N, C-alpha and C. Protein backbone atom coordinates (compact mmCIF):
# COMPACT_ATOMS: atom_id res chain seq x y z
N PRO A 1 -14.76 -0.12 -5.69
CA PRO A 1 -13.49 -0.57 -6.24
C PRO A 1 -12.98 -1.84 -5.54
N VAL A 2 -12.24 -2.62 -6.28
CA VAL A 2 -11.64 -3.83 -5.73
C VAL A 2 -10.51 -3.44 -4.79
N GLN A 3 -10.47 -4.06 -3.63
CA GLN A 3 -9.40 -3.83 -2.67
C GLN A 3 -8.39 -4.97 -2.77
N PHE A 4 -7.13 -4.64 -2.82
CA PHE A 4 -6.07 -5.64 -2.90
C PHE A 4 -5.36 -5.71 -1.56
N THR A 5 -5.13 -6.93 -1.06
CA THR A 5 -4.46 -7.08 0.23
C THR A 5 -2.97 -6.80 0.12
N SER A 6 -2.39 -7.14 -1.01
CA SER A 6 -0.97 -6.89 -1.23
C SER A 6 -0.74 -6.66 -2.73
N ALA A 7 -0.89 -5.42 -3.16
CA ALA A 7 -0.80 -5.11 -4.58
C ALA A 7 0.49 -5.62 -5.20
N ALA A 8 1.60 -5.45 -4.52
CA ALA A 8 2.89 -5.87 -5.08
C ALA A 8 2.93 -7.39 -5.31
N ALA A 9 2.24 -8.15 -4.48
CA ALA A 9 2.22 -9.61 -4.64
C ALA A 9 1.15 -10.07 -5.62
N GLN A 10 0.16 -9.22 -5.89
CA GLN A 10 -0.97 -9.63 -6.71
C GLN A 10 -0.90 -9.16 -8.16
N ILE A 11 0.17 -8.46 -8.50
CA ILE A 11 0.32 -8.00 -9.89
C ILE A 11 1.74 -8.27 -10.35
N SER A 12 1.84 -8.67 -11.61
CA SER A 12 3.15 -8.88 -12.22
C SER A 12 3.02 -8.56 -13.70
N ALA A 13 4.15 -8.45 -14.36
CA ALA A 13 4.14 -8.12 -15.78
C ALA A 13 5.34 -8.75 -16.48
N GLU A 14 5.19 -8.93 -17.78
CA GLU A 14 6.28 -9.40 -18.63
C GLU A 14 6.35 -8.49 -19.84
N PRO A 15 7.41 -7.73 -20.00
CA PRO A 15 8.50 -7.48 -19.07
C PRO A 15 8.00 -6.70 -17.85
N ALA A 16 8.71 -6.86 -16.76
CA ALA A 16 8.26 -6.28 -15.48
C ALA A 16 8.18 -4.75 -15.53
N ASP A 17 9.21 -4.11 -15.99
CA ASP A 17 9.28 -2.64 -16.07
C ASP A 17 10.59 -2.28 -16.76
N ILE A 18 10.88 -0.99 -16.89
CA ILE A 18 12.10 -0.62 -17.60
C ILE A 18 13.37 -0.91 -16.82
N ASN A 19 13.24 -1.31 -15.57
CA ASN A 19 14.42 -1.70 -14.79
C ASN A 19 15.06 -2.99 -15.30
N VAL A 20 14.42 -3.69 -16.24
CA VAL A 20 15.04 -4.86 -16.85
C VAL A 20 16.11 -4.46 -17.86
N LEU A 21 16.11 -3.19 -18.26
CA LEU A 21 17.11 -2.70 -19.21
C LEU A 21 18.40 -2.34 -18.48
N PRO A 22 19.56 -2.56 -19.10
CA PRO A 22 20.84 -2.31 -18.43
C PRO A 22 21.03 -0.87 -17.93
N GLU A 23 20.44 0.10 -18.62
CA GLU A 23 20.65 1.50 -18.24
C GLU A 23 19.73 1.97 -17.11
N TYR A 24 18.84 1.11 -16.64
CA TYR A 24 17.93 1.45 -15.54
C TYR A 24 18.11 0.47 -14.39
N SER A 25 17.96 0.94 -13.17
CA SER A 25 18.00 0.02 -12.03
C SER A 25 17.08 0.45 -10.90
N ARG A 26 16.77 1.72 -10.81
CA ARG A 26 15.94 2.20 -9.70
C ARG A 26 14.79 3.10 -10.19
N ASP A 27 14.30 2.85 -11.37
CA ASP A 27 13.21 3.67 -11.89
C ASP A 27 11.93 3.35 -11.10
N PRO A 28 11.21 4.37 -10.65
CA PRO A 28 10.02 4.14 -9.82
C PRO A 28 8.79 3.67 -10.59
N ARG A 29 8.82 3.63 -11.91
CA ARG A 29 7.64 3.28 -12.71
C ARG A 29 7.50 1.76 -12.82
N VAL A 30 7.09 1.13 -11.71
CA VAL A 30 6.98 -0.33 -11.61
C VAL A 30 5.52 -0.76 -11.67
N VAL A 31 5.29 -2.03 -12.00
CA VAL A 31 3.93 -2.53 -12.25
C VAL A 31 3.02 -2.44 -11.03
N SER A 32 3.54 -2.55 -9.84
CA SER A 32 2.68 -2.46 -8.65
C SER A 32 2.01 -1.09 -8.54
N ASN A 33 2.57 -0.08 -9.20
CA ASN A 33 1.94 1.25 -9.21
C ASN A 33 0.55 1.22 -9.84
N LEU A 34 0.28 0.23 -10.69
CA LEU A 34 -1.03 0.15 -11.33
C LEU A 34 -2.15 -0.09 -10.33
N LEU A 35 -1.82 -0.64 -9.16
CA LEU A 35 -2.83 -0.93 -8.16
C LEU A 35 -2.69 -0.07 -6.91
N ASP A 36 -1.96 1.05 -7.00
CA ASP A 36 -1.71 1.85 -5.79
C ASP A 36 -2.84 2.82 -5.46
N GLY A 37 -3.88 2.86 -6.29
CA GLY A 37 -5.04 3.71 -6.00
C GLY A 37 -4.95 5.12 -6.54
N THR A 38 -3.81 5.52 -7.06
CA THR A 38 -3.67 6.85 -7.65
C THR A 38 -3.91 6.73 -9.15
N LEU A 39 -4.93 7.41 -9.65
CA LEU A 39 -5.36 7.19 -11.02
C LEU A 39 -4.96 8.33 -11.95
N ALA A 40 -5.61 9.45 -11.88
CA ALA A 40 -5.34 10.56 -12.80
C ALA A 40 -4.09 11.28 -12.34
N THR A 41 -2.94 10.92 -12.90
CA THR A 41 -1.67 11.47 -12.44
C THR A 41 -0.66 11.56 -13.58
N CYS A 42 0.34 12.38 -13.39
CA CYS A 42 1.50 12.46 -14.28
C CYS A 42 2.78 12.17 -13.48
N ASP A 43 2.63 11.71 -12.26
CA ASP A 43 3.72 11.48 -11.32
C ASP A 43 4.35 10.10 -11.52
N ASP A 44 5.66 10.06 -11.78
CA ASP A 44 6.37 8.79 -11.97
C ASP A 44 6.15 7.79 -10.85
N GLN A 45 5.91 8.26 -9.65
CA GLN A 45 5.73 7.38 -8.49
C GLN A 45 4.45 6.54 -8.60
N HIS A 46 3.57 6.89 -9.55
CA HIS A 46 2.29 6.18 -9.69
C HIS A 46 2.07 5.66 -11.11
N LEU A 47 3.13 5.64 -11.94
CA LEU A 47 3.03 5.17 -13.32
C LEU A 47 3.77 3.85 -13.48
N TRP A 48 3.48 3.14 -14.56
CA TRP A 48 4.22 1.94 -14.93
C TRP A 48 4.74 2.13 -16.34
N LEU A 49 5.99 1.77 -16.56
CA LEU A 49 6.59 1.84 -17.89
C LEU A 49 7.43 0.60 -18.10
N ALA A 50 7.18 -0.08 -19.21
CA ALA A 50 7.94 -1.28 -19.56
C ALA A 50 8.46 -1.12 -20.98
N PRO A 51 9.58 -1.75 -21.30
CA PRO A 51 10.09 -1.65 -22.66
C PRO A 51 9.17 -2.35 -23.65
N TYR A 52 9.10 -1.80 -24.85
CA TYR A 52 8.30 -2.39 -25.92
C TYR A 52 9.24 -2.90 -26.99
N THR A 53 9.00 -4.13 -27.43
CA THR A 53 9.75 -4.72 -28.53
C THR A 53 8.74 -5.11 -29.60
N ALA A 54 8.91 -4.59 -30.79
CA ALA A 54 7.98 -4.90 -31.89
C ALA A 54 7.84 -6.40 -32.07
N GLY A 55 6.60 -6.86 -32.22
CA GLY A 55 6.33 -8.28 -32.42
C GLY A 55 6.17 -9.06 -31.13
N GLN A 56 6.43 -8.44 -29.98
CA GLN A 56 6.27 -9.11 -28.69
C GLN A 56 5.18 -8.42 -27.89
N ARG A 57 4.54 -9.17 -27.02
CA ARG A 57 3.48 -8.62 -26.18
C ARG A 57 4.03 -8.17 -24.83
N ASN A 58 3.43 -7.13 -24.32
CA ASN A 58 3.62 -6.75 -22.92
C ASN A 58 2.38 -7.25 -22.20
N VAL A 59 2.56 -8.00 -21.12
CA VAL A 59 1.44 -8.64 -20.44
C VAL A 59 1.45 -8.26 -18.97
N VAL A 60 0.27 -7.94 -18.45
CA VAL A 60 0.08 -7.66 -17.02
C VAL A 60 -0.83 -8.74 -16.46
N PHE A 61 -0.44 -9.33 -15.34
CA PHE A 61 -1.23 -10.36 -14.66
C PHE A 61 -1.70 -9.80 -13.32
N VAL A 62 -3.00 -9.92 -13.04
CA VAL A 62 -3.55 -9.52 -11.75
C VAL A 62 -4.19 -10.75 -11.14
N ASP A 63 -3.79 -11.07 -9.91
CA ASP A 63 -4.30 -12.24 -9.20
C ASP A 63 -5.20 -11.76 -8.06
N PHE A 64 -6.49 -12.06 -8.15
CA PHE A 64 -7.42 -11.70 -7.09
C PHE A 64 -7.34 -12.75 -5.98
N ASP A 65 -7.54 -12.35 -4.74
CA ASP A 65 -7.47 -13.27 -3.61
C ASP A 65 -8.54 -14.35 -3.67
N GLU A 66 -9.67 -14.01 -4.25
CA GLU A 66 -10.82 -14.92 -4.28
C GLU A 66 -11.63 -14.61 -5.54
N PRO A 67 -12.60 -15.46 -5.88
CA PRO A 67 -13.44 -15.14 -7.04
C PRO A 67 -14.05 -13.75 -6.88
N THR A 68 -13.94 -12.95 -7.92
CA THR A 68 -14.35 -11.55 -7.86
C THR A 68 -15.18 -11.20 -9.10
N THR A 69 -16.31 -10.55 -8.88
CA THR A 69 -17.14 -10.09 -9.98
C THR A 69 -16.73 -8.66 -10.32
N LEU A 70 -16.44 -8.44 -11.58
CA LEU A 70 -16.09 -7.09 -12.05
C LEU A 70 -17.20 -6.60 -12.96
N SER A 71 -17.68 -5.42 -12.69
CA SER A 71 -18.71 -4.85 -13.56
C SER A 71 -18.11 -3.85 -14.53
N MET A 72 -16.90 -3.37 -14.24
CA MET A 72 -16.25 -2.41 -15.12
C MET A 72 -14.74 -2.44 -14.86
N VAL A 73 -13.99 -2.27 -15.91
CA VAL A 73 -12.54 -2.11 -15.80
C VAL A 73 -12.22 -0.80 -16.50
N ARG A 74 -11.54 0.09 -15.79
CA ARG A 74 -11.15 1.37 -16.38
C ARG A 74 -9.64 1.35 -16.60
N ILE A 75 -9.24 1.70 -17.81
CA ILE A 75 -7.82 1.70 -18.16
C ILE A 75 -7.35 3.15 -18.26
N TRP A 76 -6.34 3.48 -17.46
CA TRP A 76 -5.70 4.79 -17.51
C TRP A 76 -4.38 4.59 -18.25
N ASN A 77 -4.25 5.16 -19.43
CA ASN A 77 -3.06 4.97 -20.22
C ASN A 77 -1.89 5.81 -19.68
N TYR A 78 -0.69 5.55 -20.19
CA TYR A 78 0.52 6.24 -19.72
C TYR A 78 0.37 7.74 -19.92
N ASN A 79 0.51 8.52 -18.84
CA ASN A 79 0.12 9.93 -18.86
C ASN A 79 1.18 10.88 -18.33
N LYS A 80 2.46 10.55 -18.46
CA LYS A 80 3.51 11.38 -17.87
C LYS A 80 3.49 12.82 -18.39
N SER A 81 3.37 13.00 -19.69
CA SER A 81 3.33 14.34 -20.29
C SER A 81 2.73 14.19 -21.68
N ARG A 82 2.43 15.30 -22.31
CA ARG A 82 1.83 15.26 -23.65
C ARG A 82 2.75 14.50 -24.62
N ILE A 83 4.03 14.78 -24.60
CA ILE A 83 4.99 14.12 -25.49
C ILE A 83 5.11 12.64 -25.14
N HIS A 84 5.23 12.32 -23.86
CA HIS A 84 5.42 10.93 -23.44
C HIS A 84 4.15 10.10 -23.48
N SER A 85 2.98 10.71 -23.67
CA SER A 85 1.74 9.94 -23.71
C SER A 85 1.72 8.97 -24.90
N PHE A 86 2.57 9.19 -25.89
CA PHE A 86 2.66 8.27 -27.03
C PHE A 86 3.29 6.94 -26.62
N ARG A 87 3.86 6.86 -25.42
CA ARG A 87 4.43 5.61 -24.93
C ARG A 87 3.36 4.62 -24.47
N GLY A 88 2.15 5.06 -24.33
CA GLY A 88 1.08 4.21 -23.82
C GLY A 88 0.69 3.08 -24.76
N ALA A 89 -0.20 2.23 -24.27
CA ALA A 89 -0.70 1.11 -25.07
C ALA A 89 -1.71 1.61 -26.09
N ARG A 90 -1.84 0.88 -27.16
CA ARG A 90 -2.86 1.20 -28.17
C ARG A 90 -3.85 0.04 -28.28
N HIS A 91 -3.33 -1.15 -28.52
CA HIS A 91 -4.18 -2.34 -28.65
C HIS A 91 -4.10 -3.12 -27.34
N VAL A 92 -5.26 -3.41 -26.77
CA VAL A 92 -5.32 -4.07 -25.46
C VAL A 92 -6.27 -5.26 -25.54
N GLU A 93 -5.90 -6.32 -24.83
CA GLU A 93 -6.79 -7.46 -24.66
C GLU A 93 -6.87 -7.75 -23.18
N ILE A 94 -8.09 -7.86 -22.66
CA ILE A 94 -8.30 -8.21 -21.25
C ILE A 94 -8.91 -9.59 -21.21
N ARG A 95 -8.27 -10.47 -20.44
CA ARG A 95 -8.78 -11.84 -20.27
C ARG A 95 -9.09 -12.07 -18.80
N MET A 96 -10.18 -12.76 -18.56
CA MET A 96 -10.55 -13.18 -17.21
C MET A 96 -10.65 -14.69 -17.26
N ASP A 97 -9.73 -15.36 -16.57
CA ASP A 97 -9.69 -16.83 -16.60
C ASP A 97 -9.70 -17.35 -18.04
N GLN A 98 -8.88 -16.79 -18.87
CA GLN A 98 -8.68 -17.18 -20.27
C GLN A 98 -9.84 -16.83 -21.20
N THR A 99 -10.88 -16.18 -20.69
CA THR A 99 -11.98 -15.72 -21.53
C THR A 99 -11.73 -14.26 -21.90
N VAL A 100 -11.78 -13.95 -23.19
CA VAL A 100 -11.55 -12.57 -23.63
C VAL A 100 -12.75 -11.71 -23.23
N ALA A 101 -12.49 -10.69 -22.40
CA ALA A 101 -13.54 -9.76 -21.96
C ALA A 101 -13.52 -8.48 -22.80
N PHE A 102 -12.35 -8.14 -23.35
CA PHE A 102 -12.22 -6.95 -24.19
C PHE A 102 -11.02 -7.14 -25.10
N ARG A 103 -11.19 -6.71 -26.33
CA ARG A 103 -10.08 -6.67 -27.28
C ARG A 103 -10.32 -5.46 -28.18
N GLY A 104 -9.39 -4.52 -28.17
CA GLY A 104 -9.57 -3.36 -29.02
C GLY A 104 -8.58 -2.26 -28.74
N GLU A 105 -8.82 -1.11 -29.33
CA GLU A 105 -7.96 0.04 -29.13
C GLU A 105 -8.44 0.84 -27.93
N ILE A 106 -7.48 1.44 -27.22
CA ILE A 106 -7.81 2.32 -26.11
C ILE A 106 -7.29 3.72 -26.42
N ASN A 107 -7.82 4.69 -25.70
CA ASN A 107 -7.44 6.08 -25.92
C ASN A 107 -6.02 6.36 -25.47
N LYS A 108 -5.35 7.24 -26.20
CA LYS A 108 -4.07 7.77 -25.77
C LYS A 108 -4.36 8.74 -24.63
N ALA A 109 -3.51 8.77 -23.63
CA ALA A 109 -3.68 9.70 -22.52
C ALA A 109 -3.43 11.13 -23.01
N PRO A 110 -4.01 12.12 -22.33
CA PRO A 110 -3.85 13.51 -22.76
C PRO A 110 -2.50 14.11 -22.37
N GLY A 111 -1.81 13.50 -21.41
CA GLY A 111 -0.53 14.05 -20.96
C GLY A 111 -0.68 15.12 -19.91
N ASN A 112 -1.86 15.22 -19.32
CA ASN A 112 -2.08 16.17 -18.22
C ASN A 112 -3.15 15.61 -17.29
N VAL A 113 -3.18 16.11 -16.08
CA VAL A 113 -4.12 15.60 -15.08
C VAL A 113 -5.54 16.09 -15.35
N ALA A 114 -5.68 17.32 -15.81
CA ALA A 114 -7.01 17.93 -15.99
C ALA A 114 -7.91 17.14 -16.93
N ASP A 115 -7.34 16.55 -17.98
CA ASP A 115 -8.14 15.84 -18.97
C ASP A 115 -8.05 14.32 -18.86
N ALA A 116 -7.36 13.81 -17.86
CA ALA A 116 -7.12 12.37 -17.74
C ALA A 116 -8.40 11.57 -17.58
N GLU A 117 -9.34 12.06 -16.80
CA GLU A 117 -10.59 11.33 -16.54
C GLU A 117 -11.34 11.07 -17.84
N SER A 118 -11.41 12.04 -18.72
CA SER A 118 -12.18 11.88 -19.96
C SER A 118 -11.47 10.94 -20.94
N ALA A 119 -10.18 10.72 -20.79
CA ALA A 119 -9.44 9.84 -21.70
C ALA A 119 -9.41 8.40 -21.22
N ALA A 120 -9.76 8.15 -19.96
CA ALA A 120 -9.72 6.78 -19.42
C ALA A 120 -10.73 5.90 -20.16
N LYS A 121 -10.30 4.73 -20.54
CA LYS A 121 -11.15 3.81 -21.30
C LYS A 121 -11.94 2.94 -20.35
N VAL A 122 -13.25 2.85 -20.59
CA VAL A 122 -14.12 1.99 -19.79
C VAL A 122 -14.49 0.79 -20.61
């Protein structure tokens, strides 16, 4: 796995998280959680949630310290609970230095830890 020297400094998103909404200010589901090393989870402390607006993109940026070769990217979709798993992404595009590496649909999370591994998109 890729090691990040400072996950909080190496990842950002637009919109950043649901704390951009007036009714939220201290929600723990922030973008740096995506690089915290905890994968198959339903725990808010390790999830990211951002508001969705129809017609607009949600974008995540990851900055590697140096040129890095990736042989696989695994996407763990939003997995808080069975009901809330519908909040996850459906259509995803991954770009590496502006080159499209993946464009397509990803699996909805199962909403539980036991089945999370089988739902992760490779």
